[in-house]
């Protein structure tokens, strides 16, 4: 299973607000051009969003369904990828001081992707996670900055606190 984590220099509440907004899915999910709700109230269990993937001139529409939601701390999704099958994507948020530790765990669940899953696909998933977590970090930290009027690591007066230097730590 491809598991990766990232420290985002904002509160778990801010990170959850981004994850809980289905219309922002394309802001942080790599390869997604746009998203829109199709069923239920995102991110409640059973809710779904439709998203578009662009590959050159081709446009593919797929769907992601919420399979488990613990408000503010856990979101498990089943992403449908057409003939490749589906993938389980679990996001966990943990308070880490004033920041949020995000853990993402993804693996093919059904279809061709699960039958052909190997070390090579794990590497590709890890690369995708690195990019996805970097995007999520930018979106969440910009959201926090907009809400507070300060940059991560600055006090309200604009002085640097020595905490939260630019860029997230990914492992």
Protein backbone atom coordinates (compact mmCIF):
# COMPACT_ATOMS: atom_id res chain seq x y z
CA UNK A 1 0.00 0.00 0.00
CA UNK A 2 1.21 3.48 -0.81
CA UNK A 3 1.22 5.48 2.43
CA UNK A 4 2.58 9.00 2.67
CA UNK A 5 2.32 11.82 5.17
CA UNK A 6 2.70 15.58 5.20
CA UNK A 7 2.75 18.27 7.87
CA UNK A 8 0.53 21.16 6.80
CA UNK A 9 1.15 24.35 8.72
CA UNK A 10 -2.42 25.13 9.55
CA UNK A 11 -5.11 23.65 11.76
CA UNK A 12 -6.86 20.35 11.07
CA UNK A 13 -10.08 22.43 10.89
CA UNK A 14 -8.76 24.36 7.88
CA UNK A 15 -7.57 21.19 6.14
CA UNK A 16 -10.92 19.51 6.78
CA UNK A 17 -12.77 22.52 5.33
CA UNK A 18 -10.88 22.04 2.05
CA UNK A 19 -11.45 18.26 1.97
CA UNK A 20 -15.13 18.71 2.87
CA UNK A 21 -15.75 20.98 -0.13
CA UNK A 22 -16.38 18.66 -3.09
CA UNK A 23 -16.12 21.54 -5.54
CA UNK A 24 -12.46 21.99 -4.48
CA UNK A 25 -11.45 18.37 -5.23
CA UNK A 26 -9.75 19.45 -8.45
CA UNK A 27 -7.72 22.05 -6.51
CA UNK A 28 -5.70 19.36 -4.73
CA UNK A 29 -6.17 16.05 -6.58
CA UNK A 30 -3.49 15.56 -9.23
CA UNK A 31 -4.80 14.98 -12.74
CA UNK A 32 -8.28 16.33 -12.05
CA UNK A 33 -9.46 19.27 -14.14
CA UNK A 34 -12.80 20.07 -12.46
CA UNK A 35 -15.29 18.50 -10.08
CA UNK A 36 -18.96 18.82 -9.20
CA UNK A 37 -21.37 17.10 -6.79
CA UNK A 38 -23.58 14.39 -8.30
CA UNK A 39 -25.18 12.64 -5.29
CA UNK A 40 -25.69 13.36 -1.63
CA UNK A 41 -24.06 15.95 0.58
CA UNK A 42 -20.26 15.79 0.32
CA UNK A 43 -18.46 14.45 2.39
CA UNK A 44 -21.20 12.34 3.96
CA UNK A 45 -20.98 8.58 3.38
CA UNK A 46 -22.46 7.67 0.00
CA UNK A 47 -22.06 11.17 -1.48
CA UNK A 48 -20.34 11.36 -4.86
CA UNK A 49 -18.63 13.89 -7.05
CA UNK A 50 -17.95 13.69 -10.74
CA UNK A 51 -14.56 14.83 -11.95
CA UNK A 52 -12.89 15.33 -15.29
CA UNK A 53 -9.44 14.11 -16.26
CA UNK A 54 -7.84 15.67 -19.33
CA UNK A 55 -5.29 13.72 -21.35
CA UNK A 56 -4.35 16.01 -24.20
CA UNK A 57 -7.51 16.57 -26.24
CA UNK A 58 -9.30 13.63 -24.57
CA UNK A 59 -11.55 14.24 -21.58
CA UNK A 60 -12.59 11.44 -19.28
CA UNK A 61 -15.29 11.76 -16.65
CA UNK A 62 -15.11 9.60 -13.53
CA UNK A 63 -16.65 9.54 -10.10
CA UNK A 64 -15.44 9.44 -6.49
CA UNK A 65 -17.70 8.14 -3.71
CA UNK A 66 -17.32 8.72 0.02
CA UNK A 67 -17.16 5.32 1.72
CA UNK A 68 -16.34 6.52 5.26
CA UNK A 69 -16.37 9.92 6.91
CA UNK A 70 -15.42 10.88 10.44
CA UNK A 71 -15.96 14.62 10.38
CA UNK A 72 -12.76 16.52 10.98
CA UNK A 73 -10.45 13.51 11.11
CA UNK A 74 -10.95 10.82 8.44
CA UNK A 75 -12.20 10.58 4.88
CA UNK A 76 -12.14 7.37 2.83
CA UNK A 77 -12.94 7.55 -0.85
CA UNK A 78 -13.45 5.10 -3.68
CA UNK A 79 -12.21 6.67 -6.90
CA UNK A 80 -13.49 5.09 -10.09
CA UNK A 81 -11.06 5.04 -12.99
CA UNK A 82 -13.07 3.47 -15.80
CA UNK A 83 -11.44 0.32 -17.22
CA UNK A 84 -8.63 0.50 -14.65
CA UNK A 85 -11.12 -0.21 -11.85
CA UNK A 86 -11.32 1.58 -8.52
CA UNK A 87 -8.93 2.73 -5.82
CA UNK A 88 -9.38 3.22 -2.09
CA UNK A 89 -7.97 6.53 -0.88
CA UNK A 90 -7.94 7.13 2.87
CA UNK A 91 -7.05 10.52 4.31
CA UNK A 92 -6.46 10.91 8.03
CA UNK A 93 -5.98 14.25 9.81
CA UNK A 94 -4.12 14.43 13.11
CA UNK A 95 -3.50 17.54 15.20
CA UNK A 96 0.25 18.15 15.47
CA UNK A 97 0.73 21.11 17.77
CA UNK A 98 -0.90 24.01 15.93
CA UNK A 99 -0.57 22.16 12.63
CA UNK A 100 -2.12 19.19 10.87
CA UNK A 101 -0.43 15.90 10.04
CA UNK A 102 -2.13 14.41 6.97
CA UNK A 103 -1.71 10.71 6.19
CA UNK A 104 -2.83 9.34 2.85
CA UNK A 105 -3.12 5.62 2.13
CA UNK A 106 -4.10 4.47 -1.36
CA UNK A 107 -4.31 1.15 -3.09
CA UNK A 108 -6.15 -0.35 -6.06
CA UNK A 109 -9.36 -1.97 -4.91
CA UNK A 110 -11.11 -3.56 -7.90
CA UNK A 111 -10.53 -4.17 -11.59
CA UNK A 112 -7.43 -4.23 -13.76
CA UNK A 113 -5.51 -1.92 -11.44
CA UNK A 114 -5.80 -4.31 -8.51
CA UNK A 115 -4.85 -7.34 -10.61
CA UNK A 116 -1.77 -5.64 -12.06
CA UNK A 117 -0.71 -3.91 -8.83
CA UNK A 118 3.05 -4.23 -8.23
CA UNK A 119 6.11 -2.38 -6.96
CA UNK A 120 6.19 -0.23 -10.10
CA UNK A 121 2.64 1.01 -9.60
CA UNK A 122 3.47 1.70 -5.93
CA UNK A 123 6.25 4.04 -7.08
CA UNK A 124 3.83 5.89 -9.39
CA UNK A 125 1.27 6.20 -6.59
CA UNK A 126 3.97 7.58 -4.25
CA UNK A 127 4.95 10.21 -6.84
CA UNK A 128 1.30 11.15 -7.28
CA UNK A 129 0.86 11.44 -3.50
CA UNK A 130 3.87 13.72 -3.21
CA UNK A 131 2.38 16.07 -5.80
CA UNK A 132 -1.13 15.79 -4.34
CA UNK A 133 0.03 16.58 -0.79
CA UNK A 134 2.07 19.54 -2.06
CA UNK A 135 -1.07 20.88 -3.77
CA UNK A 136 -3.19 20.26 -0.67
CA UNK A 137 -0.58 22.08 1.43
CA UNK A 138 -0.63 25.12 -0.87
CA UNK A 139 -4.44 25.25 -0.92
CA UNK A 140 -4.80 24.85 2.86
CA UNK A 141 -2.04 27.26 3.82
CA UNK A 142 -3.40 29.88 1.39
CA UNK A 143 -6.86 29.35 2.91
CA UNK A 144 -5.44 29.87 6.42
CA UNK A 145 -3.57 32.96 5.26
CA UNK A 146 -6.72 34.42 3.71
CA UNK A 147 -8.70 33.76 6.91
CA UNK A 148 -6.12 35.26 9.26
CA UNK A 149 -4.40 37.81 7.06
CA UNK A 150 -0.99 36.34 7.96
CA UNK A 151 1.38 33.89 6.32
CA UNK A 152 2.18 30.54 7.98
CA UNK A 153 4.93 31.16 10.54
CA UNK A 154 4.11 34.86 11.02
CA UNK A 155 2.51 36.50 14.00
CA UNK A 156 -0.50 38.76 13.49
CA UNK A 157 1.86 41.77 13.38
CA UNK A 158 3.80 40.27 10.47
CA UNK A 159 6.91 39.30 12.44
CA UNK A 160 8.31 35.87 11.65
CA UNK A 161 7.90 33.48 14.58
CA UNK A 162 10.57 31.01 13.44
CA UNK A 163 7.88 28.38 13.06
CA UNK A 164 6.31 27.29 9.80
CA UNK A 165 9.00 28.13 7.32
CA UNK A 166 7.73 27.99 3.74
CA UNK A 167 7.24 24.53 2.25
CA UNK A 168 5.76 21.43 3.79
CA UNK A 169 7.70 18.43 4.97
CA UNK A 170 6.78 15.27 3.04
CA UNK A 171 7.90 11.77 3.78
